[in-house]
Protein backbone atom coordinates (compact mmCIF):
# COMPACT_ATOMS: atom_id res chain seq x y z
CA UNK A 1 -2.20 59.77 66.27
CA UNK A 2 -5.39 61.55 67.65
CA UNK A 3 -5.76 59.55 70.85
CA UNK A 4 -8.45 62.00 72.14
CA UNK A 5 -11.11 60.40 69.85
CA UNK A 6 -10.89 57.10 71.95
CA UNK A 7 -11.74 58.80 75.30
CA UNK A 8 -15.48 58.39 76.32
CA UNK A 9 -17.07 60.73 79.08
CA UNK A 10 -19.28 58.96 81.39
CA UNK A 11 -21.16 61.49 83.48
CA UNK A 12 -21.94 60.80 87.22
CA UNK A 13 -19.81 57.75 87.55
CA UNK A 14 -18.92 56.47 89.99
CA UNK A 15 -20.88 59.03 91.84
CA UNK A 16 -22.83 62.06 90.95
CA UNK A 17 -20.96 65.07 89.77
CA UNK A 18 -17.84 63.01 88.51
CA UNK A 19 -17.23 62.78 84.85
CA UNK A 20 -15.36 59.51 84.38
CA UNK A 21 -12.95 59.45 81.54
CA UNK A 22 -13.15 55.85 80.04
CA UNK A 23 -9.98 54.77 78.26
CA UNK A 24 -11.22 51.41 77.50
CA UNK A 25 -12.06 52.15 73.84
CA UNK A 26 -8.44 53.21 73.50
CA UNK A 27 -7.09 50.03 75.07
CA UNK A 28 -9.61 48.12 72.65
CA UNK A 29 -8.22 49.73 69.52
CA UNK A 30 -4.96 47.80 68.32
CA UNK A 31 -3.38 50.81 66.90
CA UNK A 32 -4.09 53.20 69.54
CA UNK A 33 -3.13 50.85 72.21
CA UNK A 34 0.10 49.83 70.71
CA UNK A 35 0.77 53.47 69.91
CA UNK A 36 0.34 54.51 73.52
CA UNK A 37 2.40 51.79 74.80
CA UNK A 38 5.25 52.15 72.24
CA UNK A 39 5.34 56.08 72.94
CA UNK A 40 5.70 55.51 76.68
CA UNK A 41 8.41 52.90 76.15
CA UNK A 42 10.28 55.12 73.61
CA UNK A 43 10.10 58.06 75.91
CA UNK A 44 11.79 56.27 78.88
CA UNK A 45 14.18 53.90 76.81
CA UNK A 46 17.37 55.44 78.08
CA UNK A 47 16.21 56.33 81.71
CA UNK A 48 17.64 53.08 83.20
CA UNK A 49 14.33 51.74 84.30
CA UNK A 50 14.44 48.28 85.79
CA UNK A 51 10.92 47.86 86.81
CA UNK A 52 7.54 49.13 85.98
CA UNK A 53 5.08 49.81 88.84
CA UNK A 54 1.26 49.80 87.93
CA UNK A 55 -1.70 50.49 90.06
CA UNK A 56 -4.65 48.09 90.17
CA UNK A 57 -6.42 47.65 88.00
CA UNK A 58 -6.10 49.67 84.65
CA UNK A 59 -2.31 50.39 85.57
CA UNK A 60 -1.87 46.69 84.86
CA UNK A 61 -3.39 46.80 81.35
CA UNK A 62 -0.79 49.66 80.43
CA UNK A 63 2.04 49.00 82.64
CA UNK A 64 2.56 45.39 81.76
CA UNK A 65 2.89 45.91 78.11
CA UNK A 66 5.23 48.95 78.63
CA UNK A 67 7.48 46.59 80.95
CA UNK A 68 7.50 43.83 78.17
CA UNK A 69 8.30 46.58 75.42
CA UNK A 70 11.18 47.94 77.71
CA UNK A 71 12.39 44.29 78.58
CA UNK A 72 11.97 45.09 82.45
CA UNK A 73 9.97 43.65 85.36
CA UNK A 74 6.41 44.61 86.21
CA UNK A 75 5.15 45.15 89.95
CA UNK A 76 1.48 45.32 90.47
CA UNK A 77 0.47 47.85 93.17
CA UNK A 78 -2.64 45.88 94.54
CA UNK A 79 -5.58 46.81 96.68
CA UNK A 80 -5.50 45.48 100.26
CA UNK A 81 -5.93 41.71 100.78
CA UNK A 82 -4.96 40.73 97.16
CA UNK A 83 -1.19 39.78 97.83
CA UNK A 84 -0.40 36.67 99.66
CA UNK A 85 3.24 37.57 101.18
CA UNK A 86 4.38 40.37 103.42
CA UNK A 87 3.64 43.85 101.94
CA UNK A 88 4.21 47.56 102.16
CA UNK A 89 1.23 49.49 102.42
CA UNK A 90 0.19 53.10 101.53
CA UNK A 91 -2.90 55.23 101.73
CA UNK A 92 -4.00 57.77 99.33
CA UNK A 93 -6.96 60.09 98.31
CA UNK A 94 -8.80 59.83 95.34
CA UNK A 95 -11.00 62.17 93.45
CA UNK A 96 -13.94 60.77 95.39
CA UNK A 97 -12.82 59.14 98.58
CA UNK A 98 -9.73 57.24 99.90
CA UNK A 99 -7.97 54.00 99.30
CA UNK A 100 -4.79 51.92 99.81
CA UNK A 101 -2.24 50.24 97.68
CA UNK A 102 0.25 47.55 98.61
CA UNK A 103 3.34 45.77 96.98
CA UNK A 104 5.04 42.64 98.01
CA UNK A 105 8.23 43.49 100.06
CA UNK A 106 10.35 41.52 97.78
CA UNK A 107 9.03 43.06 94.40
CA UNK A 108 11.49 45.86 94.51
CA UNK A 109 15.20 45.78 95.62
CA UNK A 110 17.48 48.52 96.60
CA UNK A 111 18.66 50.38 93.64
CA UNK A 112 15.84 49.47 91.26
CA UNK A 113 14.90 52.29 89.20
CA UNK A 114 11.01 52.38 88.75
CA UNK A 115 8.73 53.96 86.29
CA UNK A 116 5.21 54.46 87.36
CA UNK A 117 2.70 53.65 84.61
CA UNK A 118 -1.14 54.05 84.80
CA UNK A 119 -3.98 54.67 82.45
CA UNK A 120 -4.68 58.14 83.95
CA UNK A 121 -3.75 60.72 86.42
CA UNK A 122 -6.60 62.55 88.09
CA UNK A 123 -5.75 63.80 91.57
CA UNK A 124 -2.23 62.60 91.71
CA UNK A 125 -2.94 60.39 94.70
CA UNK A 126 -2.38 56.98 93.25
CA UNK A 127 0.91 58.07 91.65
CA UNK A 128 2.22 59.42 94.93
CA UNK A 129 1.20 56.33 96.69
CA UNK A 130 3.07 54.26 94.12
CA UNK A 131 6.02 56.41 94.46
CA UNK A 132 6.01 56.02 98.26
CA UNK A 133 5.82 52.44 98.01
CA UNK A 134 8.79 52.36 95.79
CA UNK A 135 10.82 54.30 98.28
CA UNK A 136 9.50 52.10 101.22
CA UNK A 137 11.04 49.27 99.27
CA UNK A 138 14.35 50.83 98.70
CA UNK A 139 13.92 51.64 95.09
CA UNK A 140 14.19 54.93 93.16
CA UNK A 141 11.54 56.66 91.10
CA UNK A 142 12.54 57.54 87.80
CA UNK A 143 9.44 59.03 86.25
CA UNK A 144 5.80 58.84 85.81
CA UNK A 145 3.86 57.76 82.66
CA UNK A 146 0.16 58.20 81.97
CA UNK A 147 -2.33 57.59 79.09
CA UNK A 148 -4.57 60.51 80.16
CA UNK A 149 -3.96 63.35 82.46
CA UNK A 150 -6.84 65.47 83.90
CA UNK A 151 -5.12 68.73 84.03
CA UNK A 152 -8.08 70.63 85.54
CA UNK A 153 -7.66 68.65 88.70
CA UNK A 154 -3.86 69.88 88.90
CA UNK A 155 -2.49 66.32 89.58
CA UNK A 156 0.99 67.64 88.79
CA UNK A 157 0.85 69.86 91.67
CA UNK A 158 0.04 67.05 94.09
CA UNK A 159 2.96 64.88 92.86
CA UNK A 160 5.47 67.67 92.77
CA UNK A 161 4.89 68.27 96.42
CA UNK A 162 6.93 65.15 96.92
CA UNK A 163 8.69 64.04 93.79
CA UNK A 164 10.31 66.16 91.21
CA UNK A 165 10.59 63.45 88.47
CA UNK A 166 9.26 63.79 85.02
CA UNK A 167 5.50 63.12 84.28
CA UNK A 168 4.95 62.15 80.93
CA UNK A 169 1.43 61.98 79.49
CA UNK A 170 -0.01 60.89 76.06
CA UNK A 171 -3.36 62.79 76.43
CA UNK A 172 -3.95 66.09 78.25
CA UNK A 173 -7.53 67.09 78.97
CA UNK A 174 -7.88 70.76 80.25
């Protein structure tokens, strides 16, 4: 499938100089959305994954249906102040700033094999933060899956500094 046709460039968003890659048209298209979810789930079907971890907010949109398709649990990695119980926290760099993610301390158990799923990977900071949260909780990172990869920002280099697991993407923008 030609997924590229669904990606819309939004210049100067969220700030001047940034070209935002909008994946919402892909999510809005039934065939495109189902195809992306199915490809990710199929690719990792034999990896022994027990949990999908998705970062707020668009990671929820991709990660939850992948978890459903794979028959595993979903763990939301949320921004500070959104989770009501005890949490693990991890700061990370964005393309245009810094942020923090948190997961409940009881969301991942020792030995859980986790796949990180998000709509896109830009700088790699969010992916690394999710992976470090998984490790804090005693889980294992099995891989990374993204709808879109901004290759020109070299996110794989950032992830590979700390994590050697596979990075699987549906669309690569060079």
